[in-house]
N, C-alpha and C. Protein backbone atom coordinates (compact mmCIF):
# COMPACT_ATOMS: atom_id res chain seq x y z
N MET A 1 136.17 -71.65 -85.82
CA MET A 1 136.07 -70.26 -85.46
C MET A 1 135.80 -70.15 -83.96
N TYR A 2 136.49 -69.23 -83.32
CA TYR A 2 136.31 -69.00 -81.89
C TYR A 2 135.35 -67.85 -81.65
N ILE A 3 134.35 -68.11 -80.83
CA ILE A 3 133.40 -67.06 -80.44
C ILE A 3 133.32 -67.05 -78.92
N PRO A 4 133.83 -65.98 -78.29
CA PRO A 4 133.79 -65.93 -76.82
C PRO A 4 132.37 -65.67 -76.32
N PRO A 5 132.10 -66.04 -75.07
CA PRO A 5 130.78 -65.77 -74.49
C PRO A 5 130.52 -64.27 -74.38
N LEU A 6 129.26 -63.92 -74.32
CA LEU A 6 128.83 -62.54 -74.13
C LEU A 6 129.48 -61.94 -72.90
N ASN A 7 129.95 -60.71 -73.01
CA ASN A 7 130.54 -59.96 -71.90
C ASN A 7 131.71 -60.66 -71.22
N LEU A 8 132.49 -61.41 -71.98
CA LEU A 8 133.67 -62.06 -71.42
C LEU A 8 134.68 -61.02 -70.98
N GLY A 9 135.22 -61.20 -69.80
CA GLY A 9 136.25 -60.34 -69.29
C GLY A 9 137.08 -61.08 -68.26
N MET A 10 138.15 -60.45 -67.83
CA MET A 10 139.02 -61.07 -66.84
C MET A 10 138.87 -60.31 -65.52
N ILE A 11 138.65 -61.06 -64.45
CA ILE A 11 138.57 -60.45 -63.13
C ILE A 11 139.96 -60.46 -62.49
N ILE A 12 140.62 -61.60 -62.56
CA ILE A 12 141.96 -61.76 -61.97
C ILE A 12 142.82 -62.54 -62.94
N ASN A 13 144.05 -62.08 -63.13
CA ASN A 13 145.08 -62.84 -63.83
C ASN A 13 146.37 -62.57 -63.10
N SER A 14 146.70 -63.44 -62.20
CA SER A 14 147.86 -63.16 -61.34
C SER A 14 149.07 -64.00 -61.66
N SER A 15 149.01 -64.78 -62.71
CA SER A 15 150.15 -65.66 -62.95
C SER A 15 150.55 -65.63 -64.42
N ASP A 16 151.82 -65.79 -64.66
CA ASP A 16 152.33 -65.82 -66.03
C ASP A 16 151.86 -67.04 -66.79
N ASP A 17 151.56 -68.12 -66.07
CA ASP A 17 151.15 -69.35 -66.73
C ASP A 17 149.63 -69.48 -66.87
N ASN A 18 148.91 -68.42 -66.55
CA ASN A 18 147.44 -68.38 -66.66
C ASN A 18 146.74 -69.45 -65.84
N LYS A 19 147.32 -69.85 -64.74
CA LYS A 19 146.67 -70.84 -63.88
C LYS A 19 145.80 -70.19 -62.82
N GLU A 20 146.15 -69.00 -62.37
CA GLU A 20 145.35 -68.30 -61.35
C GLU A 20 144.59 -67.17 -62.02
N VAL A 21 143.55 -67.58 -62.75
CA VAL A 21 142.76 -66.66 -63.53
C VAL A 21 141.29 -66.84 -63.18
N ILE A 22 140.56 -65.71 -63.08
CA ILE A 22 139.11 -65.75 -62.98
C ILE A 22 138.55 -64.92 -64.12
N TYR A 23 137.69 -65.54 -64.90
CA TYR A 23 136.99 -64.86 -65.99
C TYR A 23 135.55 -64.61 -65.57
N ARG A 24 134.90 -63.67 -66.25
CA ARG A 24 133.48 -63.39 -66.06
C ARG A 24 132.82 -63.38 -67.45
N SER A 25 131.53 -63.73 -67.48
CA SER A 25 130.84 -63.68 -68.77
C SER A 25 129.34 -63.83 -68.57
N GLY A 26 128.65 -63.77 -69.71
CA GLY A 26 127.26 -64.17 -69.75
C GLY A 26 127.19 -65.68 -69.92
N PHE A 27 125.99 -66.22 -69.95
CA PHE A 27 125.80 -67.66 -70.03
C PHE A 27 126.37 -68.19 -71.35
N PRO A 28 127.34 -69.11 -71.30
CA PRO A 28 127.92 -69.65 -72.53
C PRO A 28 126.88 -70.41 -73.37
N GLN A 29 126.93 -70.16 -74.66
CA GLN A 29 126.06 -70.83 -75.62
C GLN A 29 126.89 -71.86 -76.39
N PRO A 30 126.23 -72.81 -77.07
CA PRO A 30 126.99 -73.82 -77.81
C PRO A 30 128.05 -73.25 -78.76
N MET A 31 127.77 -72.09 -79.36
CA MET A 31 128.76 -71.50 -80.26
C MET A 31 130.02 -71.03 -79.51
N ASN A 32 129.95 -70.94 -78.18
CA ASN A 32 131.09 -70.51 -77.36
C ASN A 32 131.91 -71.68 -76.84
N TYR A 33 131.40 -72.89 -76.93
CA TYR A 33 132.04 -74.03 -76.29
C TYR A 33 133.46 -74.28 -76.79
N LYS A 34 133.68 -74.16 -78.09
CA LYS A 34 135.02 -74.40 -78.63
C LYS A 34 136.00 -73.37 -78.07
N TYR A 35 135.59 -72.11 -78.02
CA TYR A 35 136.44 -71.05 -77.46
C TYR A 35 136.80 -71.37 -76.01
N ILE A 36 135.79 -71.71 -75.22
CA ILE A 36 136.02 -72.00 -73.80
C ILE A 36 136.97 -73.17 -73.64
N LYS A 37 136.67 -74.24 -74.35
CA LYS A 37 137.45 -75.47 -74.23
C LYS A 37 138.91 -75.28 -74.67
N GLU A 38 139.12 -74.56 -75.76
CA GLU A 38 140.45 -74.50 -76.35
C GLU A 38 141.29 -73.29 -75.90
N THR A 39 140.68 -72.33 -75.20
CA THR A 39 141.47 -71.16 -74.84
C THR A 39 141.51 -70.85 -73.35
N LEU A 40 140.51 -71.24 -72.59
CA LEU A 40 140.45 -70.83 -71.18
C LEU A 40 141.05 -71.84 -70.20
N ASN A 41 141.16 -73.10 -70.60
CA ASN A 41 141.76 -74.14 -69.74
C ASN A 41 141.16 -74.17 -68.33
N LEU A 42 139.84 -74.13 -68.27
CA LEU A 42 139.13 -74.02 -66.99
C LEU A 42 139.19 -75.27 -66.15
N LYS A 43 139.02 -75.05 -64.86
CA LYS A 43 138.82 -76.13 -63.90
C LYS A 43 137.42 -76.03 -63.30
N THR A 44 136.97 -74.79 -63.04
CA THR A 44 135.70 -74.57 -62.35
C THR A 44 134.86 -73.54 -63.10
N ILE A 45 133.56 -73.82 -63.17
CA ILE A 45 132.59 -72.85 -63.69
C ILE A 45 131.57 -72.60 -62.60
N ILE A 46 131.33 -71.33 -62.30
CA ILE A 46 130.37 -70.95 -61.27
C ILE A 46 129.27 -70.12 -61.93
N TYR A 47 128.04 -70.59 -61.79
CA TYR A 47 126.89 -69.89 -62.37
C TYR A 47 126.04 -69.27 -61.27
N PHE A 48 125.74 -67.99 -61.42
CA PHE A 48 124.87 -67.27 -60.50
C PHE A 48 123.53 -67.07 -61.19
N GLY A 49 122.59 -67.94 -60.87
CA GLY A 49 121.27 -67.91 -61.50
C GLY A 49 120.42 -69.04 -60.98
N LYS A 50 119.60 -69.59 -61.83
CA LYS A 50 118.69 -70.67 -61.45
C LYS A 50 119.17 -72.01 -62.03
N LYS A 51 119.07 -73.06 -61.22
CA LYS A 51 119.47 -74.39 -61.70
C LYS A 51 118.69 -74.78 -62.95
N LYS A 52 117.44 -74.33 -63.04
CA LYS A 52 116.61 -74.70 -64.19
C LYS A 52 117.16 -74.12 -65.50
N ASP A 53 118.05 -73.13 -65.42
CA ASP A 53 118.66 -72.54 -66.61
C ASP A 53 119.75 -73.42 -67.21
N ILE A 54 120.23 -74.38 -66.44
CA ILE A 54 121.29 -75.27 -66.93
C ILE A 54 120.67 -76.29 -67.89
N THR A 55 120.97 -76.14 -69.16
CA THR A 55 120.42 -77.04 -70.17
C THR A 55 121.17 -78.37 -70.14
N LYS A 56 120.55 -79.38 -70.71
CA LYS A 56 121.22 -80.69 -70.80
C LYS A 56 122.49 -80.58 -71.63
N GLU A 57 122.44 -79.75 -72.67
CA GLU A 57 123.60 -79.56 -73.53
C GLU A 57 124.76 -78.92 -72.76
N TYR A 58 124.45 -77.91 -71.94
CA TYR A 58 125.49 -77.24 -71.16
C TYR A 58 126.03 -78.19 -70.09
N GLN A 59 125.16 -78.92 -69.45
CA GLN A 59 125.57 -79.91 -68.45
C GLN A 59 126.52 -80.93 -69.08
N LYS A 60 126.16 -81.40 -70.27
CA LYS A 60 127.00 -82.37 -70.98
C LYS A 60 128.36 -81.76 -71.32
N PHE A 61 128.36 -80.51 -71.80
CA PHE A 61 129.62 -79.82 -72.13
C PHE A 61 130.53 -79.74 -70.92
N THR A 62 129.99 -79.36 -69.76
CA THR A 62 130.81 -79.23 -68.56
C THR A 62 131.33 -80.59 -68.10
N GLU A 63 130.49 -81.60 -68.16
CA GLU A 63 130.91 -82.94 -67.73
C GLU A 63 131.98 -83.50 -68.65
N GLU A 64 131.76 -83.40 -69.97
CA GLU A 64 132.72 -83.96 -70.94
C GLU A 64 134.10 -83.31 -70.83
N ASN A 65 134.14 -82.08 -70.38
CA ASN A 65 135.41 -81.37 -70.29
C ASN A 65 135.98 -81.35 -68.88
N GLY A 66 135.33 -82.04 -67.96
CA GLY A 66 135.84 -82.19 -66.61
C GLY A 66 135.76 -80.93 -65.77
N TYR A 67 134.86 -80.01 -66.13
CA TYR A 67 134.71 -78.78 -65.35
C TYR A 67 133.84 -79.06 -64.13
N ASN A 68 134.23 -78.49 -63.02
CA ASN A 68 133.43 -78.54 -61.81
C ASN A 68 132.40 -77.42 -61.92
N LEU A 69 131.13 -77.76 -62.16
CA LEU A 69 130.07 -76.76 -62.32
C LEU A 69 129.37 -76.56 -60.99
N ILE A 70 129.39 -75.32 -60.52
CA ILE A 70 128.76 -74.95 -59.26
C ILE A 70 127.69 -73.92 -59.56
N VAL A 71 126.49 -74.15 -59.04
CA VAL A 71 125.38 -73.22 -59.27
C VAL A 71 124.98 -72.60 -57.94
N PHE A 72 124.99 -71.28 -57.91
CA PHE A 72 124.46 -70.54 -56.78
C PHE A 72 123.11 -69.98 -57.19
N GLU A 73 122.06 -70.52 -56.58
CA GLU A 73 120.70 -70.04 -56.87
C GLU A 73 120.60 -68.59 -56.43
N MET A 74 120.40 -67.71 -57.40
CA MET A 74 120.41 -66.29 -57.09
C MET A 74 119.57 -65.52 -58.10
N ASP A 75 118.68 -64.66 -57.59
CA ASP A 75 117.95 -63.73 -58.45
C ASP A 75 118.64 -62.37 -58.46
N SER A 76 118.90 -61.86 -57.25
CA SER A 76 119.50 -60.53 -57.14
C SER A 76 120.06 -60.34 -55.74
N VAL A 77 120.60 -59.16 -55.48
CA VAL A 77 121.13 -58.87 -54.15
C VAL A 77 120.02 -58.76 -53.11
N ARG A 78 118.78 -58.79 -53.56
CA ARG A 78 117.65 -58.75 -52.63
C ARG A 78 117.34 -60.13 -52.02
N ASP A 79 117.98 -61.18 -52.53
CA ASP A 79 117.73 -62.53 -52.02
C ASP A 79 118.06 -62.60 -50.53
N ASP A 80 117.25 -63.35 -49.79
CA ASP A 80 117.46 -63.48 -48.34
C ASP A 80 118.82 -64.07 -47.99
N ASN A 81 119.32 -64.97 -48.82
CA ASN A 81 120.56 -65.67 -48.50
C ASN A 81 121.77 -65.11 -49.26
N ILE A 82 121.68 -63.88 -49.72
CA ILE A 82 122.74 -63.31 -50.56
C ILE A 82 124.10 -63.27 -49.85
N ASN A 83 124.13 -62.96 -48.58
CA ASN A 83 125.42 -62.93 -47.86
C ASN A 83 126.03 -64.32 -47.78
N ASP A 84 125.21 -65.35 -47.59
CA ASP A 84 125.72 -66.73 -47.57
C ASP A 84 126.28 -67.13 -48.93
N ILE A 85 125.59 -66.73 -50.00
CA ILE A 85 126.07 -67.04 -51.35
C ILE A 85 127.43 -66.39 -51.59
N MET A 86 127.55 -65.13 -51.22
CA MET A 86 128.82 -64.43 -51.44
C MET A 86 129.94 -65.02 -50.58
N LEU A 87 129.63 -65.43 -49.37
CA LEU A 87 130.63 -66.07 -48.52
C LEU A 87 131.12 -67.37 -49.17
N GLU A 88 130.20 -68.18 -49.69
CA GLU A 88 130.59 -69.42 -50.35
C GLU A 88 131.41 -69.15 -51.61
N MET A 89 131.05 -68.09 -52.33
CA MET A 89 131.82 -67.71 -53.52
C MET A 89 133.25 -67.36 -53.11
N PHE A 90 133.41 -66.58 -52.03
CA PHE A 90 134.76 -66.21 -51.60
C PHE A 90 135.56 -67.44 -51.19
N LYS A 91 134.93 -68.42 -50.57
CA LYS A 91 135.64 -69.65 -50.20
C LYS A 91 136.21 -70.34 -51.45
N LEU A 92 135.44 -70.35 -52.53
CA LEU A 92 135.92 -70.97 -53.78
C LEU A 92 137.07 -70.17 -54.39
N VAL A 93 136.94 -68.85 -54.38
CA VAL A 93 137.95 -67.97 -54.97
C VAL A 93 139.25 -68.02 -54.17
N LEU A 94 139.16 -68.28 -52.88
CA LEU A 94 140.35 -68.30 -52.03
C LEU A 94 141.00 -69.69 -51.94
N ASN A 95 140.68 -70.55 -52.89
CA ASN A 95 141.28 -71.88 -52.96
C ASN A 95 141.85 -72.08 -54.36
N LYS A 96 143.17 -72.08 -54.46
CA LYS A 96 143.81 -72.17 -55.78
C LYS A 96 143.51 -73.47 -56.51
N ASP A 97 143.03 -74.48 -55.81
CA ASP A 97 142.66 -75.74 -56.47
C ASP A 97 141.50 -75.56 -57.44
N ASN A 98 140.75 -74.48 -57.32
CA ASN A 98 139.59 -74.25 -58.19
C ASN A 98 139.94 -73.51 -59.48
N TYR A 99 141.17 -73.03 -59.59
CA TYR A 99 141.57 -72.20 -60.73
C TYR A 99 142.01 -73.03 -61.92
N PRO A 100 141.85 -72.45 -63.11
CA PRO A 100 141.16 -71.25 -63.57
C PRO A 100 139.64 -71.38 -63.42
N ILE A 101 138.98 -70.24 -63.23
CA ILE A 101 137.55 -70.19 -62.94
C ILE A 101 136.86 -69.29 -63.96
N LEU A 102 135.69 -69.73 -64.40
CA LEU A 102 134.77 -68.87 -65.16
C LEU A 102 133.54 -68.68 -64.30
N MET A 103 133.21 -67.41 -64.01
CA MET A 103 131.99 -67.08 -63.27
C MET A 103 131.05 -66.41 -64.26
N HIS A 104 129.79 -66.83 -64.25
CA HIS A 104 128.87 -66.20 -65.17
C HIS A 104 127.46 -66.12 -64.61
N SER A 105 126.71 -65.19 -65.20
CA SER A 105 125.27 -65.07 -64.97
C SER A 105 124.64 -65.16 -66.35
N ASN A 106 123.37 -64.83 -66.48
CA ASN A 106 122.73 -64.98 -67.78
C ASN A 106 123.33 -64.07 -68.85
N LYS A 107 123.36 -62.79 -68.58
CA LYS A 107 123.85 -61.84 -69.57
C LYS A 107 125.25 -61.31 -69.24
N GLY A 108 125.76 -61.64 -68.05
CA GLY A 108 127.08 -61.16 -67.67
C GLY A 108 127.07 -59.69 -67.28
N LYS A 109 125.96 -59.24 -66.72
CA LYS A 109 125.84 -57.82 -66.36
C LYS A 109 125.71 -57.64 -64.86
N HIS A 110 124.49 -57.73 -64.34
CA HIS A 110 124.20 -57.32 -62.96
C HIS A 110 124.69 -58.31 -61.91
N ARG A 111 124.25 -59.56 -61.94
CA ARG A 111 124.68 -60.51 -60.91
C ARG A 111 126.19 -60.71 -60.92
N ILE A 112 126.74 -60.92 -62.10
CA ILE A 112 128.18 -61.13 -62.15
C ILE A 112 128.91 -59.81 -61.93
N GLY A 113 128.25 -58.70 -62.18
CA GLY A 113 128.81 -57.39 -61.86
C GLY A 113 128.98 -57.20 -60.36
N VAL A 114 128.01 -57.70 -59.60
CA VAL A 114 128.11 -57.65 -58.14
C VAL A 114 129.26 -58.52 -57.67
N VAL A 115 129.33 -59.75 -58.19
CA VAL A 115 130.40 -60.68 -57.79
C VAL A 115 131.77 -60.08 -58.13
N THR A 116 131.90 -59.56 -59.34
CA THR A 116 133.15 -58.94 -59.76
C THR A 116 133.50 -57.77 -58.86
N GLY A 117 132.51 -56.94 -58.57
CA GLY A 117 132.74 -55.79 -57.71
C GLY A 117 133.22 -56.18 -56.33
N LEU A 118 132.62 -57.24 -55.79
CA LEU A 118 133.04 -57.69 -54.45
C LEU A 118 134.46 -58.24 -54.46
N ILE A 119 134.80 -59.01 -55.48
CA ILE A 119 136.17 -59.53 -55.58
C ILE A 119 137.15 -58.38 -55.70
N ARG A 120 136.81 -57.41 -56.51
CA ARG A 120 137.70 -56.27 -56.71
C ARG A 120 137.83 -55.45 -55.42
N LYS A 121 136.75 -55.31 -54.69
CA LYS A 121 136.77 -54.53 -53.44
C LYS A 121 137.50 -55.28 -52.33
N ILE A 122 137.09 -56.52 -52.05
CA ILE A 122 137.58 -57.27 -50.89
C ILE A 122 138.98 -57.83 -51.12
N ILE A 123 139.22 -58.41 -52.27
CA ILE A 123 140.50 -59.09 -52.51
C ILE A 123 141.53 -58.18 -53.17
N LEU A 124 141.10 -57.41 -54.16
CA LEU A 124 142.05 -56.62 -54.94
C LEU A 124 142.20 -55.19 -54.47
N GLY A 125 141.31 -54.73 -53.57
CA GLY A 125 141.44 -53.40 -52.99
C GLY A 125 141.11 -52.25 -53.93
N TRP A 126 140.24 -52.50 -54.90
CA TRP A 126 139.84 -51.43 -55.82
C TRP A 126 139.03 -50.37 -55.08
N SER A 127 139.04 -49.18 -55.63
CA SER A 127 138.19 -48.10 -55.10
C SER A 127 136.74 -48.33 -55.55
N ILE A 128 135.82 -47.81 -54.79
CA ILE A 128 134.41 -47.93 -55.15
C ILE A 128 134.13 -47.24 -56.48
N SER A 129 134.77 -46.12 -56.74
CA SER A 129 134.52 -45.42 -58.01
C SER A 129 134.97 -46.26 -59.20
N GLY A 130 136.08 -46.96 -59.09
CA GLY A 130 136.54 -47.85 -60.15
C GLY A 130 135.59 -49.02 -60.36
N ILE A 131 135.08 -49.56 -59.26
CA ILE A 131 134.12 -50.67 -59.34
C ILE A 131 132.84 -50.20 -60.02
N TYR A 132 132.35 -49.03 -59.63
CA TYR A 132 131.13 -48.48 -60.24
C TYR A 132 131.33 -48.23 -61.74
N GLN A 133 132.50 -47.74 -62.09
CA GLN A 133 132.78 -47.47 -63.50
C GLN A 133 132.75 -48.77 -64.31
N GLU A 134 133.41 -49.81 -63.81
CA GLU A 134 133.42 -51.09 -64.53
C GLU A 134 132.01 -51.67 -64.60
N TYR A 135 131.27 -51.59 -63.51
CA TYR A 135 129.88 -52.08 -63.49
C TYR A 135 129.09 -51.39 -64.59
N GLY A 136 129.26 -50.08 -64.73
CA GLY A 136 128.56 -49.33 -65.75
C GLY A 136 128.94 -49.74 -67.16
N ILE A 137 130.20 -50.07 -67.38
CA ILE A 137 130.65 -50.50 -68.71
C ILE A 137 129.92 -51.78 -69.12
N TYR A 138 129.84 -52.75 -68.22
CA TYR A 138 129.22 -54.03 -68.56
C TYR A 138 127.69 -53.96 -68.62
N THR A 139 127.09 -53.02 -67.90
CA THR A 139 125.63 -52.92 -67.91
C THR A 139 125.13 -51.89 -68.91
N GLY A 140 126.02 -51.26 -69.63
CA GLY A 140 125.60 -50.20 -70.55
C GLY A 140 125.10 -48.98 -69.80
N ASN A 141 125.68 -48.77 -68.63
CA ASN A 141 125.31 -47.67 -67.74
C ASN A 141 123.86 -47.73 -67.27
N VAL A 142 123.29 -48.93 -67.34
CA VAL A 142 122.00 -49.13 -66.69
C VAL A 142 122.32 -49.43 -65.24
N LYS A 143 122.15 -48.44 -64.42
CA LYS A 143 122.57 -48.55 -63.02
C LYS A 143 121.63 -49.47 -62.24
N GLY A 144 122.23 -50.30 -61.48
CA GLY A 144 121.51 -51.12 -60.52
C GLY A 144 121.83 -50.55 -59.15
N GLU A 145 121.07 -49.57 -58.74
CA GLU A 145 121.37 -48.90 -57.47
C GLU A 145 121.48 -49.88 -56.31
N MET A 146 120.59 -50.88 -56.30
CA MET A 146 120.64 -51.88 -55.22
C MET A 146 121.96 -52.66 -55.29
N ASP A 147 122.39 -53.00 -56.50
CA ASP A 147 123.65 -53.73 -56.67
C ASP A 147 124.83 -52.90 -56.16
N LEU A 148 124.88 -51.65 -56.57
CA LEU A 148 126.00 -50.79 -56.19
C LEU A 148 126.00 -50.53 -54.69
N GLU A 149 124.83 -50.35 -54.12
CA GLU A 149 124.74 -50.16 -52.67
C GLU A 149 125.21 -51.41 -51.93
N PHE A 150 124.82 -52.59 -52.45
CA PHE A 150 125.24 -53.85 -51.83
C PHE A 150 126.76 -53.98 -51.86
N ILE A 151 127.37 -53.70 -53.01
CA ILE A 151 128.83 -53.77 -53.12
C ILE A 151 129.48 -52.82 -52.11
N ASN A 152 128.96 -51.62 -52.05
CA ASN A 152 129.53 -50.60 -51.18
C ASN A 152 129.46 -51.01 -49.71
N LYS A 153 128.36 -51.60 -49.29
CA LYS A 153 128.16 -51.93 -47.87
C LYS A 153 128.69 -53.30 -47.47
N PHE A 154 128.94 -54.18 -48.43
CA PHE A 154 129.36 -55.55 -48.10
C PHE A 154 130.68 -55.53 -47.35
N ASP A 155 130.74 -56.33 -46.27
CA ASP A 155 131.91 -56.34 -45.41
C ASP A 155 132.15 -57.75 -44.89
N LEU A 156 133.35 -58.22 -44.99
CA LEU A 156 133.70 -59.55 -44.47
C LEU A 156 134.48 -59.48 -43.17
N SER A 157 134.66 -58.29 -42.61
CA SER A 157 135.54 -58.16 -41.45
C SER A 157 135.03 -58.92 -40.23
N ASP A 158 133.73 -59.14 -40.12
CA ASP A 158 133.19 -59.86 -38.97
C ASP A 158 133.03 -61.36 -39.22
N VAL A 159 133.41 -61.81 -40.42
CA VAL A 159 133.18 -63.20 -40.81
C VAL A 159 134.46 -63.99 -40.65
N LYS A 160 134.33 -65.16 -40.05
CA LYS A 160 135.47 -66.06 -39.94
C LYS A 160 135.36 -67.11 -41.04
N ILE A 161 136.35 -67.16 -41.89
CA ILE A 161 136.40 -68.14 -42.96
C ILE A 161 137.56 -69.07 -42.67
N ASP A 162 137.26 -70.35 -42.53
CA ASP A 162 138.32 -71.34 -42.32
C ASP A 162 138.96 -71.64 -43.67
N LEU A 163 140.23 -71.29 -43.78
CA LEU A 163 140.95 -71.48 -45.03
C LEU A 163 142.21 -72.29 -44.80
N ASP A 164 142.57 -73.08 -45.80
CA ASP A 164 143.85 -73.76 -45.82
C ASP A 164 144.85 -72.79 -46.42
N LEU A 165 145.75 -72.26 -45.61
CA LEU A 165 146.69 -71.25 -46.08
C LEU A 165 147.58 -71.75 -47.22
N ASP A 166 147.78 -73.07 -47.30
CA ASP A 166 148.57 -73.64 -48.39
C ASP A 166 147.83 -73.61 -49.72
N LYS A 167 146.52 -73.40 -49.66
CA LYS A 167 145.71 -73.39 -50.88
C LYS A 167 145.33 -71.99 -51.35
N LEU A 168 145.79 -70.96 -50.64
CA LEU A 168 145.50 -69.60 -51.06
C LEU A 168 146.21 -69.30 -52.38
N PRO A 169 145.54 -68.61 -53.28
CA PRO A 169 146.21 -68.21 -54.53
C PRO A 169 147.40 -67.31 -54.23
N SER A 170 148.34 -67.26 -55.14
CA SER A 170 149.58 -66.52 -54.90
C SER A 170 149.37 -65.02 -54.77
N PHE A 171 148.28 -64.49 -55.29
CA PHE A 171 148.06 -63.05 -55.22
C PHE A 171 147.50 -62.60 -53.86
N ILE A 172 147.20 -63.54 -52.97
CA ILE A 172 146.71 -63.23 -51.64
C ILE A 172 147.90 -63.07 -50.71
N ASN A 173 148.02 -61.90 -50.14
CA ASN A 173 149.08 -61.65 -49.16
C ASN A 173 148.46 -61.69 -47.77
N TYR A 174 148.97 -62.53 -46.93
CA TYR A 174 148.46 -62.62 -45.57
C TYR A 174 149.62 -62.55 -44.58
N VAL A 175 149.27 -62.15 -43.37
CA VAL A 175 150.31 -62.02 -42.34
C VAL A 175 150.12 -63.15 -41.34
């Protein structure tokens, strides 16, 4: 029986062969492992939370399946290093070698809602109202005013990111 992780959703699906896909979810539990392994064909898993939350069982699952597990230590958008975390996240997302990707937080609501919102704003060009609406759907309309303000104000225009243009996903259009 397949049981998907809590709050599983798709952030990006830009290819017919499902190779350039980013999923979002809550923290996968053992009952979700079969679903993840047999349906998502992941290469990378990115967790936004605390390293101490990574259980031995989850670590073993990721290792046995060859997933590259990356942990960004993060409590909330109030963290001092939040801009650095988001910059590193964008570097991973802008490299097709990391795809398919599953990004998750504990419940798949606020932290991953911020990450999803930023990807939708910066890369996909979504409107702020659309981002807010989706954030509300996943959080049960429990508004995180700080989260929404962070998404709204976040800007990469002053940041230089060294990228290998040959590794950009196909949905990125550059001049």
